[in-house]
């Protein structure tokens, strides 16, 4: 199990790691060969929220980015 962080690594992606398929799929799964569960840090944290984005929309984004389990 790996827990993501809501921090941005500009050299890899402009989005927070929790929302980044470049980090979660390409780097973590493809390049590093990680096969376990990817879980978010709390989605109630300021770094995870975006103005005008519903919880449902965020869930879809995170699933597409490679998240398996959400922490509210």
PDB file of N, CA and C in Angstrom:
ATOM      1  N   UNK A   1       0.843  -1.175   0.000  1.00  0.00           N
ATOM      2  CA  UNK A   1       0.000   0.000   0.000  1.00  0.00           C
ATOM      3  C   UNK A   1       0.889   1.239   0.000  1.00  0.00           C
ATOM      4  N   UNK A   2       0.509   2.196  -0.822  1.00  0.00           N
ATOM      5  CA  UNK A   2       1.202   3.489  -0.870  1.00  0.00           C
ATOM      6  C   UNK A   2       0.171   4.585  -0.691  1.00  0.00           C
ATOM      7  N   UNK A   3       0.478   5.570   0.167  1.00  0.00           N
ATOM      8  CA  UNK A   3      -0.398   6.732   0.340  1.00  0.00           C
ATOM      9  C   UNK A   3       0.196   7.900  -0.434  1.00  0.00           C
ATOM     10  N   UNK A   4      -0.629   8.510  -1.260  1.00  0.00           N
ATOM     11  CA  UNK A   4      -0.191   9.660  -2.029  1.00  0.00           C
ATOM     12  C   UNK A   4      -0.199  10.919  -1.176  1.00  0.00           C
ATOM     13  N   UNK A   5       0.451  11.943  -1.690  1.00  0.00           N
ATOM     14  CA  UNK A   5       0.481  13.251  -1.030  1.00  0.00           C
ATOM     15  C   UNK A   5      -0.155  14.270  -1.965  1.00  0.00           C
ATOM     16  N   UNK A   6      -0.725  15.306  -1.386  1.00  0.00           N
ATOM     17  CA  UNK A   6      -1.346  16.375  -2.180  1.00  0.00           C
ATOM     18  C   UNK A   6      -0.321  17.471  -2.455  1.00  0.00           C
ATOM     19  N   UNK A   7       0.846  17.080  -2.887  1.00  0.00           N
ATOM     20  CA  UNK A   7       1.910  18.040  -3.188  1.00  0.00           C
ATOM     21  C   UNK A   7       2.227  17.974  -4.683  1.00  0.00           C
ATOM     22  N   UNK A   8       2.746  19.071  -5.192  1.00  0.00           N
ATOM     23  CA  UNK A   8       3.067  19.159  -6.616  1.00  0.00           C
ATOM     24  C   UNK A   8       4.572  18.972  -6.801  1.00  0.00           C
ATOM     25  N   UNK A   9       4.925  18.141  -7.749  1.00  0.00           N
ATOM     26  CA  UNK A   9       6.310  17.932  -8.162  1.00  0.00           C
ATOM     27  C   UNK A   9       6.419  18.451  -9.591  1.00  0.00           C
ATOM     28  N   UNK A  10       6.718  19.749  -9.768  1.00  0.00           N
ATOM     29  CA  UNK A  10       6.678  20.377 -11.090  1.00  0.00           C
ATOM     30  C   UNK A  10       7.525  19.682 -12.158  1.00  0.00           C
ATOM     31  N   UNK A  11       8.574  19.009 -11.765  1.00  0.00           N
ATOM     32  CA  UNK A  11       9.398  18.310 -12.750  1.00  0.00           C
ATOM     33  C   UNK A  11       8.659  17.113 -13.349  1.00  0.00           C
ATOM     34  N   UNK A  12       7.623  16.631 -12.643  1.00  0.00           N
ATOM     35  CA  UNK A  12       6.875  15.466 -13.111  1.00  0.00           C
ATOM     36  C   UNK A  12       5.491  15.818 -13.640  1.00  0.00           C
ATOM     37  N   UNK A  13       4.812  16.782 -12.983  1.00  0.00           N
ATOM     38  CA  UNK A  13       3.446  17.140 -13.360  1.00  0.00           C
ATOM     39  C   UNK A  13       3.067  18.427 -12.639  1.00  0.00           C
ATOM     40  N   UNK A  14       2.152  19.191 -13.225  1.00  0.00           N
ATOM     41  CA  UNK A  14       1.672  20.422 -12.593  1.00  0.00           C
ATOM     42  C   UNK A  14       0.532  20.168 -11.609  1.00  0.00           C
ATOM     43  N   UNK A  15       0.003  18.949 -11.603  1.00  0.00           N
ATOM     44  CA  UNK A  15      -1.087  18.590 -10.688  1.00  0.00           C
ATOM     45  C   UNK A  15      -0.521  17.945  -9.434  1.00  0.00           C
ATOM     46  N   UNK A  16      -1.273  17.991  -8.325  1.00  0.00           N
ATOM     47  CA  UNK A  16      -0.827  17.288  -7.121  1.00  0.00           C
ATOM     48  C   UNK A  16      -0.643  15.795  -7.421  1.00  0.00           C
ATOM     49  N   UNK A  17       0.280  15.166  -6.729  1.00  0.00           N
ATOM     50  CA  UNK A  17       0.588  13.754  -6.970  1.00  0.00           C
ATOM     51  C   UNK A  17      -0.659  12.880  -6.907  1.00  0.00           C
ATOM     52  N   UNK A  18      -1.579  13.191  -6.012  1.00  0.00           N
ATOM     53  CA  UNK A  18      -2.807  12.410  -5.873  1.00  0.00           C
ATOM     54  C   UNK A  18      -3.643  12.413  -7.153  1.00  0.00           C
ATOM     55  N   UNK A  19      -3.522  13.457  -7.963  1.00  0.00           N
ATOM     56  CA  UNK A  19      -4.303  13.585  -9.193  1.00  0.00           C
ATOM     57  C   UNK A  19      -3.488  13.300 -10.454  1.00  0.00           C
ATOM     58  N   UNK A  20      -2.270  12.855 -10.311  1.00  0.00           N
ATOM     59  CA  UNK A  20      -1.356  12.756 -11.437  1.00  0.00           C
ATOM     60  C   UNK A  20      -1.167  11.334 -11.954  1.00  0.00           C
ATOM     61  N   UNK A  21      -1.661  11.052 -13.147  1.00  0.00           N
ATOM     62  CA  UNK A  21      -1.408   9.740 -13.752  1.00  0.00           C
ATOM     63  C   UNK A  21       0.062   9.597 -14.140  1.00  0.00           C
ATOM     64  N   UNK A  22       0.726  10.722 -14.410  1.00  0.00           N
ATOM     65  CA  UNK A  22       2.164  10.665 -14.712  1.00  0.00           C
ATOM     66  C   UNK A  22       2.938  10.114 -13.522  1.00  0.00           C
ATOM     67  N   UNK A  23       2.506  10.455 -12.327  1.00  0.00           N
ATOM     68  CA  UNK A  23       3.181   9.974 -11.120  1.00  0.00           C
ATOM     69  C   UNK A  23       2.648   8.603 -10.705  1.00  0.00           C
ATOM     70  N   UNK A  24       1.332   8.455 -10.634  1.00  0.00           N
ATOM     71  CA  UNK A  24       0.756   7.215 -10.112  1.00  0.00           C
ATOM     72  C   UNK A  24       0.831   6.048 -11.087  1.00  0.00           C
ATOM     73  N   UNK A  25       0.574   6.297 -12.353  1.00  0.00           N
ATOM     74  CA  UNK A  25       0.606   5.205 -13.333  1.00  0.00           C
ATOM     75  C   UNK A  25       1.988   5.046 -13.962  1.00  0.00           C
ATOM     76  N   UNK A  26       2.477   6.120 -14.562  1.00  0.00           N
ATOM     77  CA  UNK A  26       3.736   6.014 -15.300  1.00  0.00           C
ATOM     78  C   UNK A  26       4.921   5.746 -14.383  1.00  0.00           C
ATOM     79  N   UNK A  27       5.133   6.608 -13.399  1.00  0.00           N
ATOM     80  CA  UNK A  27       6.298   6.462 -12.527  1.00  0.00           C
ATOM     81  C   UNK A  27       6.143   5.292 -11.550  1.00  0.00           C
ATOM     82  N   UNK A  28       5.074   5.322 -10.756  1.00  0.00           N
ATOM     83  CA  UNK A  28       4.918   4.339  -9.690  1.00  0.00           C
ATOM     84  C   UNK A  28       4.661   2.927 -10.231  1.00  0.00           C
ATOM     85  N   UNK A  29       3.692   2.790 -11.098  1.00  0.00           N
ATOM     86  CA  UNK A  29       3.308   1.445 -11.566  1.00  0.00           C
ATOM     87  C   UNK A  29       4.197   0.946 -12.705  1.00  0.00           C
ATOM     88  N   UNK A  30       4.340   1.751 -13.757  1.00  0.00           N
ATOM     89  CA  UNK A  30       5.094   1.290 -14.928  1.00  0.00           C
ATOM     90  C   UNK A  30       6.601   1.255 -14.679  1.00  0.00           C
ATOM     91  N   UNK A  31       7.160   2.379 -14.265  1.00  0.00           N
ATOM     92  CA  UNK A  31       8.616   2.464 -14.105  1.00  0.00           C
ATOM     93  C   UNK A  31       9.124   1.711 -12.875  1.00  0.00           C
ATOM     94  N   UNK A  32       8.401   1.829 -11.758  1.00  0.00           N
ATOM     95  CA  UNK A  32       8.874   1.217 -10.514  1.00  0.00           C
ATOM     96  C   UNK A  32       8.287  -0.170 -10.271  1.00  0.00           C
ATOM     97  N   UNK A  33       7.265  -0.534 -11.050  1.00  0.00           N
ATOM     98  CA  UNK A  33       6.679  -1.867 -10.943  1.00  0.00           C
ATOM     99  C   UNK A  33       5.790  -2.097  -9.729  1.00  0.00           C
ATOM    100  N   UNK A  34       5.290  -1.017  -9.117  1.00  0.00           N
ATOM    101  CA  UNK A  34       4.426  -1.157  -7.936  1.00  0.00           C
ATOM    102  C   UNK A  34       3.098  -1.790  -8.340  1.00  0.00           C
ATOM    103  N   UNK A  35       2.681  -2.840  -7.630  1.00  0.00           N
ATOM    104  CA  UNK A  35       1.437  -3.546  -7.940  1.00  0.00           C
ATOM    105  C   UNK A  35       0.421  -3.499  -6.804  1.00  0.00           C
ATOM    106  N   UNK A  36       0.726  -2.765  -5.747  1.00  0.00           N
ATOM    107  CA  UNK A  36      -0.163  -2.700  -4.592  1.00  0.00           C
ATOM    108  C   UNK A  36      -1.254  -1.656  -4.738  1.00  0.00           C
ATOM    109  N   UNK A  37      -1.881  -1.345  -3.622  1.00  0.00           N
ATOM    110  CA  UNK A  37      -2.986  -0.395  -3.556  1.00  0.00           C
ATOM    111  C   UNK A  37      -2.442   1.022  -3.394  1.00  0.00           C
ATOM    112  N   UNK A  38      -3.016   1.954  -4.161  1.00  0.00           N
ATOM    113  CA  UNK A  38      -2.692   3.375  -4.035  1.00  0.00           C
ATOM    114  C   UNK A  38      -3.860   4.041  -3.308  1.00  0.00           C
ATOM    115  N   UNK A  39      -3.572   4.641  -2.155  1.00  0.00           N
ATOM    116  CA  UNK A  39      -4.600   5.278  -1.333  1.00  0.00           C
ATOM    117  C   UNK A  39      -4.292   6.772  -1.225  1.00  0.00           C
ATOM    118  N   UNK A  40      -5.333   7.580  -1.175  1.00  0.00           N
ATOM    119  CA  UNK A  40      -5.140   9.023  -1.031  1.00  0.00           C
ATOM    120  C   UNK A  40      -4.873   9.364   0.426  1.00  0.00           C
ATOM    121  N   UNK A  41      -4.260  10.505   0.633  1.00  0.00           N
ATOM    122  CA  UNK A  41      -4.260  11.122   1.951  1.00  0.00           C
ATOM    123  C   UNK A  41      -5.673  11.705   2.098  1.00  0.00           C
ATOM    124  N   UNK A  42      -6.009  12.295   3.211  1.00  0.00           N
ATOM    125  CA  UNK A  42      -7.356  12.805   3.439  1.00  0.00           C
ATOM    126  C   UNK A  42      -7.794  13.771   2.337  1.00  0.00           C
ATOM    127  N   UNK A  43      -8.952  13.524   1.785  1.00  0.00           N
ATOM    128  CA  UNK A  43      -9.503  14.405   0.757  1.00  0.00           C
ATOM    129  C   UNK A  43     -10.144  15.648   1.356  1.00  0.00           C
ATOM    130  N   UNK A  44     -10.134  15.767   2.677  1.00  0.00           N
ATOM    131  CA  UNK A  44     -10.632  16.961   3.354  1.00  0.00           C
ATOM    132  C   UNK A  44      -9.534  18.017   3.500  1.00  0.00           C
ATOM    133  N   UNK A  45      -8.316  17.661   3.167  1.00  0.00           N
ATOM    134  CA  UNK A  45      -7.194  18.604   3.277  1.00  0.00           C
ATOM    135  C   UNK A  45      -7.305  19.676   2.199  1.00  0.00           C
ATOM    136  N   UNK A  46      -6.830  20.868   2.500  1.00  0.00           N
ATOM    137  CA  UNK A  46      -6.907  21.987   1.557  1.00  0.00           C
ATOM    138  C   UNK A  46      -6.214  21.668   0.239  1.00  0.00           C
ATOM    139  N   UNK A  47      -5.122  20.947   0.277  1.00  0.00           N
ATOM    140  CA  UNK A  47      -4.382  20.622  -0.937  1.00  0.00           C
ATOM    141  C   UNK A  47      -5.114  19.682  -1.876  1.00  0.00           C
ATOM    142  N   UNK A  48      -6.166  19.037  -1.373  1.00  0.00           N
ATOM    143  CA  UNK A  48      -6.925  18.096  -2.189  1.00  0.00           C
ATOM    144  C   UNK A  48      -8.161  18.723  -2.810  1.00  0.00           C
ATOM    145  N   UNK A  49      -8.564  19.878  -2.303  1.00  0.00           N
ATOM    146  CA  UNK A  49      -9.814  20.493  -2.764  1.00  0.00           C
ATOM    147  C   UNK A  49      -9.567  21.491  -3.898  1.00  0.00           C
ATOM    148  N   UNK A  50     -10.562  21.590  -4.773  1.00  0.00           N
ATOM    149  CA  UNK A  50     -10.532  22.576  -5.846  1.00  0.00           C
ATOM    150  C   UNK A  50     -11.882  23.268  -5.894  1.00  0.00           C
ATOM    151  N   UNK A  51     -11.865  24.575  -5.998  1.00  0.00           N
ATOM    152  CA  UNK A  51     -13.111  25.338  -6.070  1.00  0.00           C
ATOM    153  C   UNK A  51     -13.922  24.898  -7.286  1.00  0.00           C
ATOM    154  N   UNK A  52     -15.198  24.663  -7.071  1.00  0.00           N
ATOM    155  CA  UNK A  52     -16.104  24.323  -8.159  1.00  0.00           C
ATOM    156  C   UNK A  52     -16.064  22.868  -8.594  1.00  0.00           C
ATOM    157  N   UNK A  53     -15.271  22.029  -7.940  1.00  0.00           N
ATOM    158  CA  UNK A  53     -15.186  20.616  -8.299  1.00  0.00           C
ATOM    159  C   UNK A  53     -15.931  19.804  -7.241  1.00  0.00           C
ATOM    160  N   UNK A  54     -16.930  19.049  -7.678  1.00  0.00           N
ATOM    161  CA  UNK A  54     -17.712  18.245  -6.738  1.00  0.00           C
ATOM    162  C   UNK A  54     -16.908  17.023  -6.289  1.00  0.00           C
ATOM    163  N   UNK A  55     -17.364  16.396  -5.212  1.00  0.00           N
ATOM    164  CA  UNK A  55     -16.701  15.178  -4.732  1.00  0.00           C
ATOM    165  C   UNK A  55     -16.750  14.085  -5.797  1.00  0.00           C
ATOM    166  N   UNK A  56     -17.863  13.998  -6.504  1.00  0.00           N
ATOM    167  CA  UNK A  56     -17.997  13.002  -7.570  1.00  0.00           C
ATOM    168  C   UNK A  56     -17.012  13.234  -8.708  1.00  0.00           C
ATOM    169  N   UNK A  57     -16.881  14.490  -9.113  1.00  0.00           N
ATOM    170  CA  UNK A  57     -15.920  14.828 -10.167  1.00  0.00           C
ATOM    171  C   UNK A  57     -14.490  14.523  -9.722  1.00  0.00           C
ATOM    172  N   UNK A  58     -14.196  14.842  -8.473  1.00  0.00           N
ATOM    173  CA  UNK A  58     -12.861  14.567  -7.954  1.00  0.00           C
ATOM    174  C   UNK A  58     -12.601  13.063  -7.908  1.00  0.00           C
ATOM    175  N   UNK A  59     -13.595  12.296  -7.502  1.00  0.00           N
ATOM    176  CA  UNK A  59     -13.441  10.841  -7.453  1.00  0.00           C
ATOM    177  C   UNK A  59     -13.113  10.275  -8.830  1.00  0.00           C
ATOM    178  N   UNK A  60     -13.787  10.766  -9.849  1.00  0.00           N
ATOM    179  CA  UNK A  60     -13.518  10.302 -11.216  1.00  0.00           C
ATOM    180  C   UNK A  60     -12.100  10.661 -11.632  1.00  0.00           C
ATOM    181  N   UNK A  61     -11.668  11.878 -11.340  1.00  0.00           N
ATOM    182  CA  UNK A  61     -10.298  12.299 -11.658  1.00  0.00           C
ATOM    183  C   UNK A  61      -9.267  11.389 -10.999  1.00  0.00           C
ATOM    184  N   UNK A  62      -9.502  11.107  -9.722  1.00  0.00           N
ATOM    185  CA  UNK A  62      -8.550  10.301  -8.970  1.00  0.00           C
ATOM    186  C   UNK A  62      -8.512   8.864  -9.469  1.00  0.00           C
ATOM    187  N   UNK A  63      -9.655   8.305  -9.804  1.00  0.00           N
ATOM    188  CA  UNK A  63      -9.678   6.959 -10.372  1.00  0.00           C
ATOM    189  C   UNK A  63      -8.898   6.902 -11.677  1.00  0.00           C
ATOM    190  N   UNK A  64      -9.095   7.895 -12.526  1.00  0.00           N
ATOM    191  CA  UNK A  64      -8.372   7.949 -13.802  1.00  0.00           C
ATOM    192  C   UNK A  64      -6.874   8.155 -13.599  1.00  0.00           C
ATOM    193  N   UNK A  65      -6.508   8.830 -12.521  1.00  0.00           N
ATOM    194  CA  UNK A  65      -5.092   9.070 -12.236  1.00  0.00           C
ATOM    195  C   UNK A  65      -4.400   7.821 -11.706  1.00  0.00           C
ATOM    196  N   UNK A  66      -5.195   6.881 -11.156  1.00  0.00           N
ATOM    197  CA  UNK A  66      -4.602   5.655 -10.661  1.00  0.00           C
ATOM    198  C   UNK A  66      -4.817   5.355  -9.192  1.00  0.00           C
ATOM    199  N   UNK A  67      -5.693   6.114  -8.536  1.00  0.00           N
ATOM    200  CA  UNK A  67      -5.999   5.887  -7.129  1.00  0.00           C
ATOM    201  C   UNK A  67      -6.953   4.699  -7.002  1.00  0.00           C
ATOM    202  N   UNK A  68      -6.722   3.847  -6.002  1.00  0.00           N
ATOM    203  CA  UNK A  68      -7.569   2.688  -5.753  1.00  0.00           C
ATOM    204  C   UNK A  68      -8.503   2.881  -4.563  1.00  0.00           C
ATOM    205  N   UNK A  69      -8.081   3.668  -3.573  1.00  0.00           N
ATOM    206  CA  UNK A  69      -8.818   3.790  -2.322  1.00  0.00           C
ATOM    207  C   UNK A  69      -8.787   5.252  -1.871  1.00  0.00           C
ATOM    208  N   UNK A  70      -9.962   5.770  -1.485  1.00  0.00           N
ATOM    209  CA  UNK A  70     -10.081   7.168  -1.060  1.00  0.00           C
ATOM    210  C   UNK A  70     -10.177   7.261   0.460  1.00  0.00           C
ATOM    211  N   UNK A  71      -9.510   8.266   1.042  1.00  0.00           N
ATOM    212  CA  UNK A  71      -9.631   8.572   2.468  1.00  0.00           C
ATOM    213  C   UNK A  71     -10.310   9.922   2.578  1.00  0.00           C
ATOM    214  N   UNK A  72     -11.463   9.961   3.220  1.00  0.00           N
ATOM    215  CA  UNK A  72     -12.221  11.195   3.344  1.00  0.00           C
ATOM    216  C   UNK A  72     -11.812  11.969   4.551  1.00  0.00           C
TER     217      UNK A  72
END
